[in-house]
Amino acid sequence: METLVLSASYEPVSRVPWQRAITLIWENKVEVIEEYENRWVHSVTLEFRMPSVIRFLKAVRGRKRAIKFSRENVFARDNGRCQYCSVKLARAESTYDHVIPRAMGGHTRWENVVIACYACNQKKGCKTPEQAKMKLLTLPIKPKKLPDTLRLTFQVTKDTPDSWKQWIASVSYWNTELDQD
């Protein structure tokens, strides 16, 4: 059995064997968020449910990786701001927009995709910013660096414990690598 590990900010960062999870609990590095209902850990003097989801109490440092082209990374590059009206957006309030529409030969890549609010994305429609009489806040480029956060992708499979699904589903959409053309 494995245990899902969340960062201090409740984002999935790893899966570990349940034995490692127990060690982290005893070292007071994590707190138990969810437990398996029908799995128990027994010792000579203790009996408790096996941890299903744990959360680090302090921030975890991530290791440097190549920057993948994903919605989350485009959102981070654009500082969560609509690149047309500069409104600060929550992830759920944002969409990504092809600066040169795909119908006009635009490609899905760093240099042609920006974060936009729904209103600006609809206003722009299938036009270039110039045709829609809109200006970009910044030119989209492939970033050399993103803010220092840890980003991992987890996928739900038929064997994924139910207690993990709510944590994984919320990040899967944003962290899945986008197909570039």
N, C-alpha and C. Protein backbone atom coordinates (compact mmCIF):
# COMPACT_ATOMS: atom_id res chain seq x y z
N MET A 1 0.85 -1.19 0.00
CA MET A 1 0.00 0.00 0.00
C MET A 1 0.88 1.24 0.00
N GLU A 2 0.39 2.26 -0.69
CA GLU A 2 1.12 3.51 -0.73
C GLU A 2 0.31 4.63 -0.08
N THR A 3 1.01 5.70 0.24
CA THR A 3 0.40 6.88 0.85
C THR A 3 0.69 8.07 -0.05
N LEU A 4 -0.33 8.87 -0.32
CA LEU A 4 -0.16 10.09 -1.10
C LEU A 4 0.39 11.17 -0.19
N VAL A 5 1.42 11.88 -0.66
CA VAL A 5 2.04 12.95 0.12
C VAL A 5 1.68 14.29 -0.50
N LEU A 6 1.16 15.20 0.33
CA LEU A 6 0.81 16.55 -0.11
C LEU A 6 1.84 17.53 0.42
N SER A 7 2.03 18.62 -0.31
CA SER A 7 2.89 19.70 0.17
C SER A 7 2.17 20.42 1.30
N ALA A 8 2.86 21.38 1.91
CA ALA A 8 2.25 22.17 2.97
C ALA A 8 1.04 22.94 2.45
N SER A 9 1.01 23.19 1.13
CA SER A 9 -0.11 23.91 0.52
C SER A 9 -1.14 22.97 -0.10
N TYR A 10 -1.12 21.71 0.32
CA TYR A 10 -2.12 20.70 -0.08
C TYR A 10 -2.05 20.31 -1.56
N GLU A 11 -0.89 20.35 -2.16
CA GLU A 11 -0.74 19.89 -3.54
C GLU A 11 0.00 18.55 -3.53
N PRO A 12 -0.45 17.57 -4.33
CA PRO A 12 0.24 16.27 -4.37
C PRO A 12 1.69 16.43 -4.82
N VAL A 13 2.62 15.83 -4.08
CA VAL A 13 4.03 15.90 -4.46
C VAL A 13 4.68 14.54 -4.61
N SER A 14 4.10 13.50 -4.02
CA SER A 14 4.75 12.20 -4.08
C SER A 14 3.81 11.10 -3.62
N ARG A 15 4.26 9.86 -3.88
CA ARG A 15 3.64 8.67 -3.31
C ARG A 15 4.75 7.93 -2.60
N VAL A 16 4.49 7.46 -1.41
CA VAL A 16 5.51 6.73 -0.65
C VAL A 16 4.90 5.46 -0.08
N PRO A 17 5.73 4.46 0.21
CA PRO A 17 5.22 3.27 0.89
C PRO A 17 4.66 3.67 2.26
N TRP A 18 3.66 2.95 2.73
CA TRP A 18 3.03 3.32 4.00
C TRP A 18 4.03 3.33 5.15
N GLN A 19 5.08 2.48 5.06
CA GLN A 19 6.08 2.44 6.12
C GLN A 19 6.84 3.78 6.21
N ARG A 20 7.15 4.38 5.05
CA ARG A 20 7.82 5.69 5.03
C ARG A 20 6.89 6.75 5.61
N ALA A 21 5.61 6.64 5.30
CA ALA A 21 4.62 7.58 5.83
C ALA A 21 4.60 7.52 7.36
N ILE A 22 4.66 6.32 7.91
CA ILE A 22 4.67 6.15 9.37
C ILE A 22 5.91 6.83 9.96
N THR A 23 7.05 6.64 9.31
CA THR A 23 8.29 7.28 9.78
C THR A 23 8.14 8.80 9.79
N LEU A 24 7.60 9.36 8.71
CA LEU A 24 7.40 10.81 8.64
C LEU A 24 6.44 11.31 9.72
N ILE A 25 5.44 10.51 10.03
CA ILE A 25 4.48 10.86 11.09
C ILE A 25 5.20 10.90 12.44
N TRP A 26 5.97 9.86 12.74
CA TRP A 26 6.68 9.80 14.03
C TRP A 26 7.73 10.89 14.16
N GLU A 27 8.28 11.34 13.04
CA GLU A 27 9.28 12.42 13.05
C GLU A 27 8.60 13.80 13.11
N ASN A 28 7.28 13.82 13.18
CA ASN A 28 6.50 15.07 13.22
C ASN A 28 6.75 15.98 12.03
N LYS A 29 7.00 15.38 10.86
CA LYS A 29 7.20 16.16 9.65
C LYS A 29 5.91 16.30 8.85
N VAL A 30 4.94 15.43 9.14
CA VAL A 30 3.69 15.43 8.39
C VAL A 30 2.51 15.28 9.34
N GLU A 31 1.34 15.58 8.81
CA GLU A 31 0.11 15.29 9.54
C GLU A 31 -0.73 14.36 8.66
N VAL A 32 -1.55 13.55 9.30
CA VAL A 32 -2.42 12.62 8.58
C VAL A 32 -3.67 13.38 8.16
N ILE A 33 -3.96 13.35 6.87
CA ILE A 33 -5.15 14.00 6.33
C ILE A 33 -6.28 12.98 6.17
N GLU A 34 -5.94 11.80 5.63
CA GLU A 34 -6.93 10.74 5.47
C GLU A 34 -6.29 9.39 5.78
N GLU A 35 -7.13 8.45 6.19
CA GLU A 35 -6.67 7.10 6.51
C GLU A 35 -7.46 6.09 5.71
N TYR A 36 -6.84 4.91 5.48
CA TYR A 36 -7.58 3.81 4.87
C TYR A 36 -8.55 3.27 5.90
N GLU A 37 -9.79 3.06 5.50
CA GLU A 37 -10.81 2.61 6.45
C GLU A 37 -10.57 1.20 6.97
N ASN A 38 -10.11 0.32 6.10
CA ASN A 38 -10.02 -1.09 6.48
C ASN A 38 -8.58 -1.61 6.55
N ARG A 39 -7.62 -0.72 6.67
CA ARG A 39 -6.22 -1.12 6.79
C ARG A 39 -5.67 -0.61 8.12
N TRP A 40 -5.05 -1.50 8.86
CA TRP A 40 -4.56 -1.16 10.19
C TRP A 40 -3.08 -1.46 10.30
N VAL A 41 -2.38 -0.66 11.11
CA VAL A 41 -0.99 -0.90 11.45
C VAL A 41 -0.98 -1.32 12.92
N HIS A 42 -0.29 -2.44 13.20
CA HIS A 42 -0.24 -2.97 14.57
C HIS A 42 1.20 -2.99 15.06
N SER A 43 1.37 -2.59 16.29
CA SER A 43 2.66 -2.77 16.97
C SER A 43 2.36 -3.48 18.28
N VAL A 44 3.34 -3.65 19.11
CA VAL A 44 3.12 -4.34 20.39
C VAL A 44 2.13 -3.57 21.25
N THR A 45 2.22 -2.25 21.24
CA THR A 45 1.38 -1.45 22.14
C THR A 45 0.38 -0.55 21.43
N LEU A 46 0.47 -0.40 20.12
CA LEU A 46 -0.40 0.52 19.39
C LEU A 46 -1.13 -0.16 18.24
N GLU A 47 -2.26 0.41 17.89
CA GLU A 47 -3.01 -0.01 16.72
C GLU A 47 -3.65 1.25 16.14
N PHE A 48 -3.42 1.50 14.86
CA PHE A 48 -4.02 2.67 14.23
C PHE A 48 -4.21 2.41 12.75
N ARG A 49 -5.05 3.23 12.14
CA ARG A 49 -5.32 3.07 10.71
C ARG A 49 -4.11 3.49 9.89
N MET A 50 -3.94 2.80 8.77
CA MET A 50 -2.85 3.11 7.85
C MET A 50 -3.13 4.46 7.18
N PRO A 51 -2.15 5.35 7.10
CA PRO A 51 -2.39 6.65 6.47
C PRO A 51 -2.55 6.50 4.96
N SER A 52 -3.56 7.17 4.43
CA SER A 52 -3.81 7.18 2.99
C SER A 52 -3.26 8.45 2.36
N VAL A 53 -3.46 9.59 3.05
CA VAL A 53 -2.98 10.89 2.57
C VAL A 53 -2.34 11.61 3.75
N ILE A 54 -1.10 12.09 3.53
CA ILE A 54 -0.42 12.88 4.56
C ILE A 54 0.00 14.22 3.96
N ARG A 55 0.26 15.20 4.83
CA ARG A 55 0.64 16.54 4.36
C ARG A 55 1.86 17.02 5.14
N PHE A 56 2.87 17.51 4.40
CA PHE A 56 4.03 18.09 5.07
C PHE A 56 3.62 19.32 5.84
N LEU A 57 4.19 19.50 7.02
CA LEU A 57 3.88 20.66 7.85
C LEU A 57 4.69 21.89 7.42
N LYS A 58 5.83 21.66 6.79
CA LYS A 58 6.67 22.76 6.29
C LYS A 58 6.86 22.59 4.78
N ALA A 59 7.22 23.69 4.12
CA ALA A 59 7.42 23.67 2.67
C ALA A 59 8.54 22.70 2.28
N VAL A 60 8.38 22.07 1.13
CA VAL A 60 9.35 21.12 0.61
C VAL A 60 10.05 21.78 -0.58
N ARG A 61 11.36 21.65 -0.62
CA ARG A 61 12.10 22.20 -1.76
C ARG A 61 12.01 21.23 -2.93
N GLY A 62 11.81 21.78 -4.11
CA GLY A 62 11.76 20.95 -5.31
C GLY A 62 13.08 20.96 -6.04
N ARG A 63 13.28 19.98 -6.90
CA ARG A 63 14.50 19.97 -7.68
C ARG A 63 14.22 20.60 -9.04
N LYS A 64 15.25 21.15 -9.66
CA LYS A 64 15.10 21.85 -10.94
C LYS A 64 14.83 20.83 -12.04
N ARG A 65 13.88 21.15 -12.89
CA ARG A 65 13.53 20.30 -14.03
C ARG A 65 13.36 21.17 -15.25
N ALA A 66 13.34 20.53 -16.42
CA ALA A 66 13.06 21.27 -17.64
C ALA A 66 11.64 21.83 -17.54
N ILE A 67 11.43 23.00 -18.08
CA ILE A 67 10.11 23.63 -18.00
C ILE A 67 9.22 23.04 -19.09
N LYS A 68 8.19 22.33 -18.67
CA LYS A 68 7.28 21.74 -19.65
C LYS A 68 6.19 22.74 -20.01
N PHE A 69 5.67 22.57 -21.19
CA PHE A 69 4.62 23.43 -21.71
C PHE A 69 3.29 22.90 -21.20
N SER A 70 2.73 23.56 -20.17
CA SER A 70 1.46 23.14 -19.58
C SER A 70 0.64 24.37 -19.24
N ARG A 71 -0.65 24.17 -18.99
CA ARG A 71 -1.52 25.29 -18.59
C ARG A 71 -0.99 25.95 -17.32
N GLU A 72 -0.58 25.13 -16.36
CA GLU A 72 -0.07 25.66 -15.09
C GLU A 72 1.15 26.54 -15.32
N ASN A 73 2.05 26.11 -16.19
CA ASN A 73 3.26 26.88 -16.44
C ASN A 73 2.99 28.14 -17.26
N VAL A 74 2.03 28.09 -18.17
CA VAL A 74 1.63 29.30 -18.91
C VAL A 74 1.01 30.28 -17.91
N PHE A 75 0.18 29.75 -17.00
CA PHE A 75 -0.44 30.58 -15.96
C PHE A 75 0.64 31.24 -15.10
N ALA A 76 1.66 30.46 -14.72
CA ALA A 76 2.76 31.00 -13.90
C ALA A 76 3.57 32.04 -14.67
N ARG A 77 3.88 31.74 -15.93
CA ARG A 77 4.64 32.69 -16.75
C ARG A 77 3.92 34.03 -16.86
N ASP A 78 2.59 33.97 -17.01
CA ASP A 78 1.80 35.19 -17.19
C ASP A 78 1.35 35.79 -15.85
N ASN A 79 1.91 35.28 -14.76
CA ASN A 79 1.61 35.78 -13.41
C ASN A 79 0.12 35.77 -13.10
N GLY A 80 -0.62 34.84 -13.69
CA GLY A 80 -2.05 34.73 -13.41
C GLY A 80 -2.86 35.95 -13.86
N ARG A 81 -2.34 36.69 -14.81
CA ARG A 81 -3.03 37.89 -15.31
C ARG A 81 -3.49 37.68 -16.75
N CYS A 82 -4.70 38.16 -17.02
CA CYS A 82 -5.18 38.17 -18.40
C CYS A 82 -4.20 39.02 -19.20
N GLN A 83 -3.71 38.51 -20.28
CA GLN A 83 -2.71 39.22 -21.07
C GLN A 83 -3.32 40.28 -21.99
N TYR A 84 -4.64 40.48 -21.89
CA TYR A 84 -5.30 41.53 -22.66
C TYR A 84 -5.80 42.66 -21.77
N CYS A 85 -6.40 42.34 -20.62
CA CYS A 85 -6.96 43.40 -19.75
C CYS A 85 -6.21 43.53 -18.43
N SER A 86 -5.25 42.67 -18.17
CA SER A 86 -4.38 42.64 -16.98
C SER A 86 -5.07 42.31 -15.66
N VAL A 87 -6.30 41.81 -15.71
CA VAL A 87 -7.01 41.42 -14.49
C VAL A 87 -6.34 40.18 -13.90
N LYS A 88 -6.13 40.18 -12.59
CA LYS A 88 -5.58 39.02 -11.88
C LYS A 88 -6.66 37.95 -11.81
N LEU A 89 -6.33 36.72 -12.19
CA LEU A 89 -7.31 35.65 -12.30
C LEU A 89 -6.97 34.47 -11.40
N ALA A 90 -8.00 33.81 -10.93
CA ALA A 90 -7.83 32.50 -10.31
C ALA A 90 -7.73 31.50 -11.46
N ARG A 91 -7.12 30.36 -11.21
CA ARG A 91 -6.99 29.37 -12.29
C ARG A 91 -8.34 29.03 -12.92
N ALA A 92 -9.35 28.85 -12.06
CA ALA A 92 -10.67 28.46 -12.55
C ALA A 92 -11.33 29.55 -13.38
N GLU A 93 -10.88 30.78 -13.26
CA GLU A 93 -11.46 31.90 -14.01
C GLU A 93 -10.69 32.19 -15.29
N SER A 94 -9.67 31.41 -15.56
CA SER A 94 -8.82 31.70 -16.71
C SER A 94 -8.95 30.64 -17.80
N THR A 95 -8.57 31.05 -18.98
CA THR A 95 -8.50 30.15 -20.12
C THR A 95 -7.21 30.49 -20.85
N TYR A 96 -6.79 29.63 -21.73
CA TYR A 96 -5.61 30.03 -22.49
C TYR A 96 -6.03 30.30 -23.92
N ASP A 97 -5.36 31.28 -24.51
CA ASP A 97 -5.74 31.81 -25.81
C ASP A 97 -4.58 31.72 -26.78
N HIS A 98 -4.89 31.33 -28.01
CA HIS A 98 -3.89 31.37 -29.08
C HIS A 98 -3.84 32.79 -29.62
N VAL A 99 -2.70 33.45 -29.51
CA VAL A 99 -2.56 34.83 -29.99
C VAL A 99 -2.90 34.87 -31.48
N ILE A 100 -2.24 34.05 -32.26
CA ILE A 100 -2.64 33.85 -33.66
C ILE A 100 -3.50 32.60 -33.66
N PRO A 101 -4.80 32.74 -33.94
CA PRO A 101 -5.72 31.59 -33.84
C PRO A 101 -5.25 30.40 -34.68
N ARG A 102 -5.57 29.23 -34.20
CA ARG A 102 -5.19 28.01 -34.92
C ARG A 102 -5.82 27.99 -36.32
N ALA A 103 -7.02 28.54 -36.43
CA ALA A 103 -7.69 28.59 -37.73
C ALA A 103 -6.91 29.44 -38.73
N MET A 104 -6.04 30.32 -38.22
CA MET A 104 -5.22 31.18 -39.09
C MET A 104 -3.78 30.67 -39.17
N GLY A 105 -3.57 29.44 -38.74
CA GLY A 105 -2.23 28.85 -38.82
C GLY A 105 -1.41 28.99 -37.55
N GLY A 106 -2.00 29.50 -36.49
CA GLY A 106 -1.27 29.64 -35.22
C GLY A 106 -1.01 28.28 -34.59
N HIS A 107 0.10 28.18 -33.91
CA HIS A 107 0.50 26.91 -33.30
C HIS A 107 0.32 26.96 -31.78
N THR A 108 0.18 25.77 -31.20
CA THR A 108 0.08 25.65 -29.75
C THR A 108 1.50 25.48 -29.23
N ARG A 109 2.07 26.60 -28.82
CA ARG A 109 3.42 26.60 -28.26
C ARG A 109 3.60 27.84 -27.40
N TRP A 110 4.68 27.86 -26.64
CA TRP A 110 4.94 28.95 -25.71
C TRP A 110 4.75 30.33 -26.35
N GLU A 111 5.24 30.50 -27.56
CA GLU A 111 5.27 31.81 -28.21
C GLU A 111 3.93 32.25 -28.78
N ASN A 112 2.89 31.40 -28.66
CA ASN A 112 1.60 31.75 -29.23
C ASN A 112 0.43 31.54 -28.27
N VAL A 113 0.71 31.18 -27.02
CA VAL A 113 -0.37 30.91 -26.07
C VAL A 113 -0.20 31.84 -24.86
N VAL A 114 -1.31 32.45 -24.44
CA VAL A 114 -1.32 33.33 -23.26
C VAL A 114 -2.54 33.02 -22.40
N ILE A 115 -2.50 33.47 -21.16
CA ILE A 115 -3.65 33.36 -20.27
C ILE A 115 -4.59 34.53 -20.56
N ALA A 116 -5.89 34.24 -20.59
CA ALA A 116 -6.89 35.29 -20.83
C ALA A 116 -8.11 35.03 -19.97
N CYS A 117 -8.81 36.10 -19.63
CA CYS A 117 -10.09 35.93 -18.94
C CYS A 117 -11.12 35.51 -20.00
N TYR A 118 -12.22 34.97 -19.56
CA TYR A 118 -13.24 34.52 -20.50
C TYR A 118 -13.76 35.66 -21.37
N ALA A 119 -13.96 36.84 -20.76
CA ALA A 119 -14.51 37.98 -21.51
C ALA A 119 -13.57 38.39 -22.64
N CYS A 120 -12.28 38.50 -22.35
CA CYS A 120 -11.32 38.89 -23.39
C CYS A 120 -11.17 37.80 -24.45
N ASN A 121 -11.19 36.54 -24.01
CA ASN A 121 -11.06 35.45 -24.96
C ASN A 121 -12.25 35.45 -25.92
N GLN A 122 -13.46 35.70 -25.41
CA GLN A 122 -14.64 35.75 -26.28
C GLN A 122 -14.61 36.98 -27.19
N LYS A 123 -14.18 38.11 -26.63
CA LYS A 123 -14.11 39.34 -27.43
C LYS A 123 -13.12 39.16 -28.58
N LYS A 124 -11.99 38.56 -28.31
CA LYS A 124 -10.97 38.36 -29.33
C LYS A 124 -11.44 37.33 -30.36
N GLY A 125 -12.10 36.28 -29.87
CA GLY A 125 -12.63 35.26 -30.77
C GLY A 125 -11.56 34.65 -31.65
N CYS A 126 -11.88 34.49 -32.91
CA CYS A 126 -10.97 33.86 -33.87
C CYS A 126 -10.26 34.93 -34.69
N LYS A 127 -9.74 35.95 -33.99
CA LYS A 127 -9.02 37.04 -34.65
C LYS A 127 -7.66 37.19 -34.01
N THR A 128 -6.79 37.92 -34.67
CA THR A 128 -5.53 38.29 -34.05
C THR A 128 -5.82 39.45 -33.10
N PRO A 129 -4.92 39.75 -32.18
CA PRO A 129 -5.15 40.90 -31.30
C PRO A 129 -5.35 42.21 -32.09
N GLU A 130 -4.60 42.38 -33.16
CA GLU A 130 -4.74 43.59 -33.97
C GLU A 130 -6.14 43.68 -34.59
N GLN A 131 -6.61 42.57 -35.14
CA GLN A 131 -7.93 42.55 -35.76
C GLN A 131 -9.03 42.82 -34.73
N ALA A 132 -8.82 42.36 -33.50
CA ALA A 132 -9.81 42.56 -32.44
C ALA A 132 -9.60 43.89 -31.72
N LYS A 133 -8.60 44.66 -32.16
CA LYS A 133 -8.26 45.94 -31.53
C LYS A 133 -7.94 45.77 -30.04
N MET A 134 -7.10 44.75 -29.77
CA MET A 134 -6.67 44.45 -28.41
C MET A 134 -5.15 44.42 -28.39
N LYS A 135 -4.57 44.77 -27.25
CA LYS A 135 -3.11 44.74 -27.12
C LYS A 135 -2.72 43.71 -26.08
N LEU A 136 -1.60 43.04 -26.36
CA LEU A 136 -1.04 42.09 -25.40
C LEU A 136 -0.25 42.84 -24.34
N LEU A 137 -0.38 42.40 -23.10
CA LEU A 137 0.41 42.96 -22.01
C LEU A 137 1.89 42.72 -22.23
N THR A 138 2.23 41.47 -22.53
CA THR A 138 3.61 41.08 -22.81
C THR A 138 3.62 40.09 -23.96
N LEU A 139 4.71 40.02 -24.68
CA LEU A 139 4.84 39.04 -25.75
C LEU A 139 5.07 37.67 -25.13
N PRO A 140 4.36 36.67 -25.61
CA PRO A 140 4.55 35.33 -25.04
C PRO A 140 5.88 34.74 -25.50
N ILE A 141 6.66 34.26 -24.55
CA ILE A 141 7.95 33.62 -24.83
C ILE A 141 8.07 32.36 -23.99
N LYS A 142 8.99 31.50 -24.37
CA LYS A 142 9.28 30.33 -23.54
C LYS A 142 10.12 30.84 -22.38
N PRO A 143 9.66 30.63 -21.14
CA PRO A 143 10.41 31.16 -19.99
C PRO A 143 11.68 30.36 -19.73
N LYS A 144 12.68 31.06 -19.23
CA LYS A 144 13.91 30.39 -18.82
C LYS A 144 13.78 29.88 -17.39
N LYS A 145 12.88 30.53 -16.64
CA LYS A 145 12.68 30.19 -15.23
C LYS A 145 11.25 30.50 -14.85
N LEU A 146 10.70 29.71 -13.95
CA LEU A 146 9.38 29.95 -13.38
C LEU A 146 9.52 30.15 -11.88
N PRO A 147 8.48 30.66 -11.22
CA PRO A 147 8.56 30.79 -9.76
C PRO A 147 8.93 29.45 -9.13
N ASP A 148 9.68 29.49 -8.04
CA ASP A 148 10.14 28.28 -7.37
C ASP A 148 9.01 27.56 -6.65
N THR A 149 8.37 26.64 -7.37
CA THR A 149 7.36 25.78 -6.78
C THR A 149 7.56 24.39 -7.34
N LEU A 150 7.06 23.42 -6.65
CA LEU A 150 7.18 22.03 -7.08
C LEU A 150 5.92 21.64 -7.83
N ARG A 151 6.08 21.13 -9.05
CA ARG A 151 4.93 20.72 -9.84
C ARG A 151 5.13 19.29 -10.33
N LEU A 152 4.21 18.41 -9.96
CA LEU A 152 4.22 17.04 -10.42
C LEU A 152 2.86 16.71 -11.01
N THR A 153 2.84 15.75 -11.91
CA THR A 153 1.58 15.33 -12.49
C THR A 153 1.22 13.95 -11.97
N PHE A 154 -0.01 13.81 -11.50
CA PHE A 154 -0.53 12.54 -11.03
C PHE A 154 -1.76 12.23 -11.87
N GLN A 155 -1.95 10.95 -12.19
CA GLN A 155 -3.12 10.56 -12.94
C GLN A 155 -3.94 9.56 -12.14
N VAL A 156 -5.24 9.68 -12.26
CA VAL A 156 -6.14 8.75 -11.60
C VAL A 156 -6.29 7.51 -12.47
N THR A 157 -6.07 6.34 -11.88
CA THR A 157 -6.26 5.07 -12.58
C THR A 157 -7.29 4.26 -11.80
N LYS A 158 -7.64 3.09 -12.32
CA LYS A 158 -8.64 2.27 -11.64
C LYS A 158 -8.16 1.78 -10.27
N ASP A 159 -6.84 1.75 -10.06
CA ASP A 159 -6.28 1.31 -8.78
C ASP A 159 -6.05 2.45 -7.79
N THR A 160 -6.32 3.67 -8.20
CA THR A 160 -6.11 4.82 -7.32
C THR A 160 -7.10 4.78 -6.16
N PRO A 161 -6.59 4.85 -4.93
CA PRO A 161 -7.52 4.86 -3.77
C PRO A 161 -8.49 6.04 -3.85
N ASP A 162 -9.72 5.82 -3.46
CA ASP A 162 -10.74 6.89 -3.49
C ASP A 162 -10.30 8.12 -2.72
N SER A 163 -9.60 7.91 -1.60
CA SER A 163 -9.19 9.04 -0.77
C SER A 163 -8.17 9.94 -1.46
N TRP A 164 -7.54 9.48 -2.53
CA TRP A 164 -6.56 10.29 -3.26
C TRP A 164 -7.20 11.13 -4.36
N LYS A 165 -8.32 10.66 -4.88
CA LYS A 165 -8.88 11.23 -6.12
C LYS A 165 -9.15 12.72 -6.06
N GLN A 166 -9.70 13.24 -4.96
CA GLN A 166 -10.00 14.66 -4.88
C GLN A 166 -8.72 15.50 -4.95
N TRP A 167 -7.63 14.99 -4.39
CA TRP A 167 -6.37 15.74 -4.38
C TRP A 167 -5.71 15.71 -5.76
N ILE A 168 -5.80 14.59 -6.44
CA ILE A 168 -5.15 14.44 -7.74
C ILE A 168 -5.92 15.15 -8.84
N ALA A 169 -7.25 15.01 -8.83
CA ALA A 169 -8.07 15.59 -9.90
C ALA A 169 -7.89 17.09 -10.02
N SER A 170 -7.71 17.78 -8.90
CA SER A 170 -7.61 19.23 -8.93
C SER A 170 -6.33 19.72 -9.60
N VAL A 171 -5.28 18.91 -9.60
CA VAL A 171 -4.03 19.36 -10.23
C VAL A 171 -3.80 18.73 -11.60
N SER A 172 -4.46 17.62 -11.90
CA SER A 172 -4.21 16.94 -13.16
C SER A 172 -4.48 17.82 -14.37
N TYR A 173 -5.60 18.53 -14.37
CA TYR A 173 -5.96 19.37 -15.51
C TYR A 173 -4.89 20.42 -15.78
N TRP A 174 -4.41 21.05 -14.72
CA TRP A 174 -3.46 22.16 -14.88
C TRP A 174 -2.05 21.71 -15.19
N ASN A 175 -1.66 20.51 -14.77
CA ASN A 175 -0.28 20.09 -14.91
C ASN A 175 -0.03 19.14 -16.07
N THR A 176 -1.07 18.75 -16.81
CA THR A 176 -0.86 17.88 -17.94
C THR A 176 -0.16 18.65 -19.04
N GLU A 177 0.89 18.03 -19.61
CA GLU A 177 1.64 18.70 -20.67
C GLU A 177 0.76 18.88 -21.90
N LEU A 178 0.81 20.07 -22.48
CA LEU A 178 0.02 20.38 -23.67
C LEU A 178 0.74 19.89 -24.91
N ASP A 179 -0.03 19.44 -25.89
CA ASP A 179 0.56 19.03 -27.16
C ASP A 179 0.94 20.27 -27.94
N GLN A 180 2.19 20.29 -28.39
CA GLN A 180 2.64 21.43 -29.20
C GLN A 180 2.54 21.02 -30.67
N ASP A 181 2.21 22.00 -31.50
CA ASP A 181 2.16 21.69 -32.92
C ASP A 181 2.98 22.70 -33.69
